[in-house]
Amino acid sequence: MICLNLPIHLRYRPENIYLVAIIPGPKEPDTTQLNHFLRPLVDEMLVLWRRGLVFEIDSVPLLVRAAIIPLVCDLPALRKAAGFAGHQANHFCSFCELLKVNINDLDRSHWSRRTWEEHLHIATQWRDAPTEAARDKIFKKHGLRWSELLRLDYWDPTQFAVVDAMHNLFLG
């Protein structure tokens, strides 16, 4: 993690980067495993957002709060971490509800935008479903599942899920 409040020339120095976790291989984790890795981070971020931490600098208390605003990663990781179906699924977009069958429809007025409220509602239904079959049915219908990041009061996957520039622009 990096602090976006720092000037860009300081932002990526090793002393200013917080390594949250290293996910062991040899294969990438599935969504359930990824949520297990995210849970401790979300627990810490909830404390930093709700209560904050107080540091004393020259005997002056300083309240510090922190939040995860953008989730910046490659597309497969973004889809898993934010609770969306994969980019080749029927619900392939993180921002609108356009279906794969309508992928050639370039008229933006036909693209109904996803909302945080609806995403949270459906993901919560998925999390609370009594059986795997019920979860599968919800996932197939909406292309959404629970993500630990949704525990963050402020975190909106329809606004804060961003594909990083290297993968999006430079690698295609």
C-alpha atoms as a PDB file:
ATOM      1  CA  MET A   1       0.000   0.000   0.000  1.00  0.00           C
ATOM      2  CA  ILE A   2       1.119   3.544  -0.635  1.00  0.00           C
ATOM      3  CA  CYS A   3       0.130   6.855   0.897  1.00  0.00           C
ATOM      4  CA  LEU A   4      -1.463   9.035  -1.765  1.00  0.00           C
ATOM      5  CA  ASN A   5      -0.998  12.105   0.467  1.00  0.00           C
ATOM      6  CA  LEU A   6       2.758  11.994  -0.116  1.00  0.00           C
ATOM      7  CA  PRO A   7       4.303  13.887  -3.038  1.00  0.00           C
ATOM      8  CA  ILE A   8       4.831  11.554  -5.991  1.00  0.00           C
ATOM      9  CA  HIS A   9       8.650  11.688  -5.668  1.00  0.00           C
ATOM     10  CA  LEU A  10       8.335  10.242  -2.122  1.00  0.00           C
ATOM     11  CA  ARG A  11       5.347   7.957  -2.618  1.00  0.00           C
ATOM     12  CA  TYR A  12       7.135   4.883  -3.977  1.00  0.00           C
ATOM     13  CA  ARG A  13      10.291   4.926  -1.860  1.00  0.00           C
ATOM     14  CA  PRO A  14      10.693   1.636   0.038  1.00  0.00           C
ATOM     15  CA  GLU A  15      10.423   3.361   3.422  1.00  0.00           C
ATOM     16  CA  ASN A  16       6.990   4.733   2.435  1.00  0.00           C
ATOM     17  CA  ILE A  17       5.471   1.510   1.128  1.00  0.00           C
ATOM     18  CA  TYR A  18       3.492  -0.806   3.389  1.00  0.00           C
ATOM     19  CA  LEU A  19       3.683  -4.432   2.293  1.00  0.00           C
ATOM     20  CA  VAL A  20       0.341  -5.834   3.403  1.00  0.00           C
ATOM     21  CA  ALA A  21       0.831  -9.500   2.572  1.00  0.00           C
ATOM     22  CA  ILE A  22       2.567 -11.966   0.348  1.00  0.00           C
ATOM     23  CA  ILE A  23       0.186 -14.535  -1.039  1.00  0.00           C
ATOM     24  CA  PRO A  24       1.997 -17.860  -1.457  1.00  0.00           C
ATOM     25  CA  GLY A  25       1.908 -19.723  -4.765  1.00  0.00           C
ATOM     26  CA  PRO A  26       2.314 -21.651  -6.839  1.00  0.00           C
ATOM     27  CA  LYS A  27      -1.219 -20.790  -8.011  1.00  0.00           C
ATOM     28  CA  GLU A  28      -3.273 -17.660  -7.468  1.00  0.00           C
ATOM     29  CA  PRO A  29      -5.849 -17.907  -4.681  1.00  0.00           C
ATOM     30  CA  ASP A  30      -9.514 -18.449  -5.401  1.00  0.00           C
ATOM     31  CA  THR A  31     -12.000 -15.851  -4.160  1.00  0.00           C
ATOM     32  CA  THR A  32     -12.557 -17.569  -0.806  1.00  0.00           C
ATOM     33  CA  GLN A  33      -8.825 -17.770  -0.144  1.00  0.00           C
ATOM     34  CA  LEU A  34      -8.362 -14.151  -1.218  1.00  0.00           C
ATOM     35  CA  ASN A  35     -11.036 -13.048   1.250  1.00  0.00           C
ATOM     36  CA  HIS A  36      -9.097 -14.831   4.013  1.00  0.00           C
ATOM     37  CA  PHE A  37      -6.026 -12.775   3.089  1.00  0.00           C
ATOM     38  CA  LEU A  38      -8.048  -9.543   2.953  1.00  0.00           C
ATOM     39  CA  ARG A  39      -9.810 -10.038   6.306  1.00  0.00           C
ATOM     40  CA  PRO A  40      -6.900  -8.947   8.597  1.00  0.00           C
ATOM     41  CA  LEU A  41      -6.214  -5.918   6.390  1.00  0.00           C
ATOM     42  CA  VAL A  42      -9.883  -4.896   6.505  1.00  0.00           C
ATOM     43  CA  ASP A  43      -9.912  -5.383  10.295  1.00  0.00           C
ATOM     44  CA  GLU A  44      -6.974  -2.953  10.612  1.00  0.00           C
ATOM     45  CA  MET A  45      -8.457  -0.477   8.150  1.00  0.00           C
ATOM     46  CA  LEU A  46     -11.749  -0.428  10.071  1.00  0.00           C
ATOM     47  CA  VAL A  47      -9.873   0.672  13.193  1.00  0.00           C
ATOM     48  CA  LEU A  48      -7.919   3.284  11.238  1.00  0.00           C
ATOM     49  CA  TRP A  49     -11.100   4.653   9.645  1.00  0.00           C
ATOM     50  CA  ARG A  50     -13.480   4.603  12.611  1.00  0.00           C
ATOM     51  CA  ARG A  51     -11.212   5.379  15.576  1.00  0.00           C
ATOM     52  CA  GLY A  52      -7.931   6.337  14.005  1.00  0.00           C
ATOM     53  CA  LEU A  53      -4.605   6.272  15.800  1.00  0.00           C
ATOM     54  CA  VAL A  54      -3.143   9.055  17.891  1.00  0.00           C
ATOM     55  CA  PHE A  55       0.578   9.770  17.565  1.00  0.00           C
ATOM     56  CA  GLU A  56       2.442  12.319  19.623  1.00  0.00           C
ATOM     57  CA  ILE A  57       4.796  14.540  17.682  1.00  0.00           C
ATOM     58  CA  ASP A  58       6.729  16.979  19.883  1.00  0.00           C
ATOM     59  CA  SER A  59       4.190  16.314  22.678  1.00  0.00           C
ATOM     60  CA  VAL A  60       1.314  17.323  20.388  1.00  0.00           C
ATOM     61  CA  PRO A  61      -1.295  14.611  19.758  1.00  0.00           C
ATOM     62  CA  LEU A  62      -2.017  13.950  16.094  1.00  0.00           C
ATOM     63  CA  LEU A  63      -5.048  11.881  15.085  1.00  0.00           C
ATOM     64  CA  VAL A  64      -4.366   9.824  11.962  1.00  0.00           C
ATOM     65  CA  ARG A  65      -7.051   8.089   9.942  1.00  0.00           C
ATOM     66  CA  ALA A  66      -6.576   5.912   6.883  1.00  0.00           C
ATOM     67  CA  ALA A  67      -8.758   4.488   4.130  1.00  0.00           C
ATOM     68  CA  ILE A  68      -8.412   2.266   1.096  1.00  0.00           C
ATOM     69  CA  ILE A  69      -9.845   4.364  -1.680  1.00  0.00           C
ATOM     70  CA  PRO A  70      -8.701   2.971  -5.001  1.00  0.00           C
ATOM     71  CA  LEU A  71      -8.153  -0.739  -5.443  1.00  0.00           C
ATOM     72  CA  VAL A  72      -5.519  -0.694  -8.172  1.00  0.00           C
ATOM     73  CA  CYS A  73      -4.508  -4.023  -9.698  1.00  0.00           C
ATOM     74  CA  ASP A  74      -4.693  -6.038 -12.885  1.00  0.00           C
ATOM     75  CA  LEU A  75      -8.141  -7.020 -14.150  1.00  0.00           C
ATOM     76  CA  PRO A  76      -8.301 -10.629 -12.861  1.00  0.00           C
ATOM     77  CA  ALA A  77      -7.189  -9.554  -9.366  1.00  0.00           C
ATOM     78  CA  LEU A  78      -9.591  -6.606  -9.384  1.00  0.00           C
ATOM     79  CA  ARG A  79     -12.546  -8.799 -10.284  1.00  0.00           C
ATOM     80  CA  LYS A  80     -11.759 -11.280  -7.493  1.00  0.00           C
ATOM     81  CA  ALA A  81     -10.911  -8.735  -4.808  1.00  0.00           C
ATOM     82  CA  ALA A  82     -13.951  -6.522  -5.459  1.00  0.00           C
ATOM     83  CA  GLY A  83     -16.442  -9.392  -5.752  1.00  0.00           C
ATOM     84  CA  PHE A  84     -17.161  -9.195  -9.479  1.00  0.00           C
ATOM     85  CA  ALA A  85     -17.339 -12.098 -11.932  1.00  0.00           C
ATOM     86  CA  GLY A  86     -14.358 -12.522 -14.258  1.00  0.00           C
ATOM     87  CA  HIS A  87     -13.978 -10.314 -17.319  1.00  0.00           C
ATOM     88  CA  GLN A  88     -15.099 -13.175 -19.600  1.00  0.00           C
ATOM     89  CA  ALA A  89     -18.302 -13.805 -17.632  1.00  0.00           C
ATOM     90  CA  ASN A  90     -21.822 -12.853 -18.708  1.00  0.00           C
ATOM     91  CA  HIS A  91     -21.586  -9.802 -16.388  1.00  0.00           C
ATOM     92  CA  PHE A  92     -18.178  -8.657 -17.601  1.00  0.00           C
ATOM     93  CA  CYS A  93     -18.139  -4.988 -16.561  1.00  0.00           C
ATOM     94  CA  SER A  94     -17.420  -3.504 -13.125  1.00  0.00           C
ATOM     95  CA  PHE A  95     -19.201  -0.252 -13.916  1.00  0.00           C
ATOM     96  CA  CYS A  96     -22.365  -1.124 -15.832  1.00  0.00           C
ATOM     97  CA  GLU A  97     -24.827  -4.001 -16.141  1.00  0.00           C
ATOM     98  CA  LEU A  98     -24.280  -4.645 -19.851  1.00  0.00           C
ATOM     99  CA  LEU A  99     -24.317  -8.369 -20.593  1.00  0.00           C
ATOM    100  CA  LYS A 100     -21.788 -10.171 -22.753  1.00  0.00           C
ATOM    101  CA  VAL A 101     -24.444 -10.874 -25.395  1.00  0.00           C
ATOM    102  CA  ASN A 102     -24.749  -7.070 -25.865  1.00  0.00           C
ATOM    103  CA  ILE A 103     -21.021  -6.352 -25.904  1.00  0.00           C
ATOM    104  CA  ASN A 104     -21.259  -4.759 -29.361  1.00  0.00           C
ATOM    105  CA  ASP A 105     -23.852  -2.211 -28.202  1.00  0.00           C
ATOM    106  CA  LEU A 106     -21.833   1.003 -28.155  1.00  0.00           C
ATOM    107  CA  ASP A 107     -24.761   3.247 -27.251  1.00  0.00           C
ATOM    108  CA  ARG A 108     -23.904   4.335 -23.693  1.00  0.00           C
ATOM    109  CA  SER A 109     -27.526   5.240 -22.994  1.00  0.00           C
ATOM    110  CA  HIS A 110     -28.237   1.476 -22.954  1.00  0.00           C
ATOM    111  CA  TRP A 111     -25.642   0.818 -20.262  1.00  0.00           C
ATOM    112  CA  SER A 112     -27.332   1.001 -16.879  1.00  0.00           C
ATOM    113  CA  ARG A 113     -24.763   1.938 -14.266  1.00  0.00           C
ATOM    114  CA  ARG A 114     -24.038  -0.333 -11.304  1.00  0.00           C
ATOM    115  CA  THR A 115     -24.700   1.188  -7.899  1.00  0.00           C
ATOM    116  CA  TRP A 116     -22.947   0.657  -4.584  1.00  0.00           C
ATOM    117  CA  GLU A 117     -26.241   0.011  -2.793  1.00  0.00           C
ATOM    118  CA  GLU A 118     -27.314  -2.707  -5.220  1.00  0.00           C
ATOM    119  CA  HIS A 119     -23.838  -4.265  -5.270  1.00  0.00           C
ATOM    120  CA  LEU A 120     -23.743  -4.414  -1.461  1.00  0.00           C
ATOM    121  CA  HIS A 121     -27.282  -5.827  -1.290  1.00  0.00           C
ATOM    122  CA  ILE A 122     -26.570  -8.621  -3.800  1.00  0.00           C
ATOM    123  CA  ALA A 123     -23.141  -9.420  -2.323  1.00  0.00           C
ATOM    124  CA  THR A 124     -24.690  -9.653   1.145  1.00  0.00           C
ATOM    125  CA  GLN A 125     -27.353 -12.022  -0.215  1.00  0.00           C
ATOM    126  CA  TRP A 126     -24.542 -14.136  -1.693  1.00  0.00           C
ATOM    127  CA  ARG A 127     -22.625 -14.144   1.635  1.00  0.00           C
ATOM    128  CA  ASP A 128     -25.730 -15.075   3.632  1.00  0.00           C
ATOM    129  CA  ALA A 129     -27.038 -17.708   1.204  1.00  0.00           C
ATOM    130  CA  PRO A 130     -27.643 -21.006   3.033  1.00  0.00           C
ATOM    131  CA  THR A 131     -26.107 -23.286   0.377  1.00  0.00           C
ATOM    132  CA  GLU A 132     -23.470 -23.268  -2.345  1.00  0.00           C
ATOM    133  CA  ALA A 133     -26.268 -23.871  -4.869  1.00  0.00           C
ATOM    134  CA  ALA A 134     -28.022 -20.694  -3.704  1.00  0.00           C
ATOM    135  CA  ARG A 135     -24.738 -18.790  -3.975  1.00  0.00           C
ATOM    136  CA  ASP A 136     -24.170 -20.128  -7.492  1.00  0.00           C
ATOM    137  CA  LYS A 137     -27.662 -19.028  -8.516  1.00  0.00           C
ATOM    138  CA  ILE A 138     -27.086 -15.480  -7.213  1.00  0.00           C
ATOM    139  CA  PHE A 139     -23.654 -15.328  -8.837  1.00  0.00           C
ATOM    140  CA  LYS A 140     -24.938 -16.507 -12.226  1.00  0.00           C
ATOM    141  CA  LYS A 141     -27.825 -14.042 -12.146  1.00  0.00           C
ATOM    142  CA  HIS A 142     -25.845 -10.959 -11.058  1.00  0.00           C
ATOM    143  CA  GLY A 143     -22.136 -11.709 -11.512  1.00  0.00           C
ATOM    144  CA  LEU A 144     -21.450 -10.615  -7.916  1.00  0.00           C
ATOM    145  CA  ARG A 145     -20.197 -12.258  -4.737  1.00  0.00           C
ATOM    146  CA  TRP A 146     -19.078 -11.099  -1.298  1.00  0.00           C
ATOM    147  CA  SER A 147     -15.731  -9.384  -0.823  1.00  0.00           C
ATOM    148  CA  GLU A 148     -14.173  -8.585   2.549  1.00  0.00           C
ATOM    149  CA  LEU A 149     -13.559  -5.066   1.227  1.00  0.00           C
ATOM    150  CA  LEU A 150     -17.321  -4.497   1.437  1.00  0.00           C
ATOM    151  CA  ARG A 151     -16.989  -4.429   5.229  1.00  0.00           C
ATOM    152  CA  LEU A 152     -15.362  -1.006   4.851  1.00  0.00           C
ATOM    153  CA  ASP A 153     -18.194   1.492   5.402  1.00  0.00           C
ATOM    154  CA  TYR A 154     -16.971   3.856   2.706  1.00  0.00           C
ATOM    155  CA  TRP A 155     -15.671   1.461   0.060  1.00  0.00           C
ATOM    156  CA  ASP A 156     -17.663   1.588  -3.187  1.00  0.00           C
ATOM    157  CA  PRO A 157     -16.554  -1.088  -5.684  1.00  0.00           C
ATOM    158  CA  THR A 158     -18.388   0.685  -8.515  1.00  0.00           C
ATOM    159  CA  GLN A 159     -16.205   3.774  -8.000  1.00  0.00           C
ATOM    160  CA  PHE A 160     -12.987   2.541  -6.375  1.00  0.00           C
ATOM    161  CA  ALA A 161     -12.022  -0.495  -8.490  1.00  0.00           C
ATOM    162  CA  VAL A 162      -9.394   0.680 -10.985  1.00  0.00           C
ATOM    163  CA  VAL A 163      -7.310  -1.294 -13.472  1.00  0.00           C
ATOM    164  CA  ASP A 164      -3.690  -0.186 -13.149  1.00  0.00           C
ATOM    165  CA  ALA A 165      -2.125   1.822 -15.974  1.00  0.00           C
ATOM    166  CA  MET A 166       0.563  -0.742 -16.822  1.00  0.00           C
ATOM    167  CA  HIS A 167      -1.934  -3.525 -17.525  1.00  0.00           C
ATOM    168  CA  ASN A 168      -4.660  -1.304 -18.962  1.00  0.00           C
ATOM    169  CA  LEU A 169      -2.663   0.982 -21.259  1.00  0.00           C
ATOM    170  CA  PHE A 170       0.790  -0.439 -21.821  1.00  0.00           C
ATOM    171  CA  LEU A 171       0.072  -4.169 -22.005  1.00  0.00           C
ATOM    172  CA  GLY A 172      -3.404  -3.840 -23.561  1.00  0.00           C
END
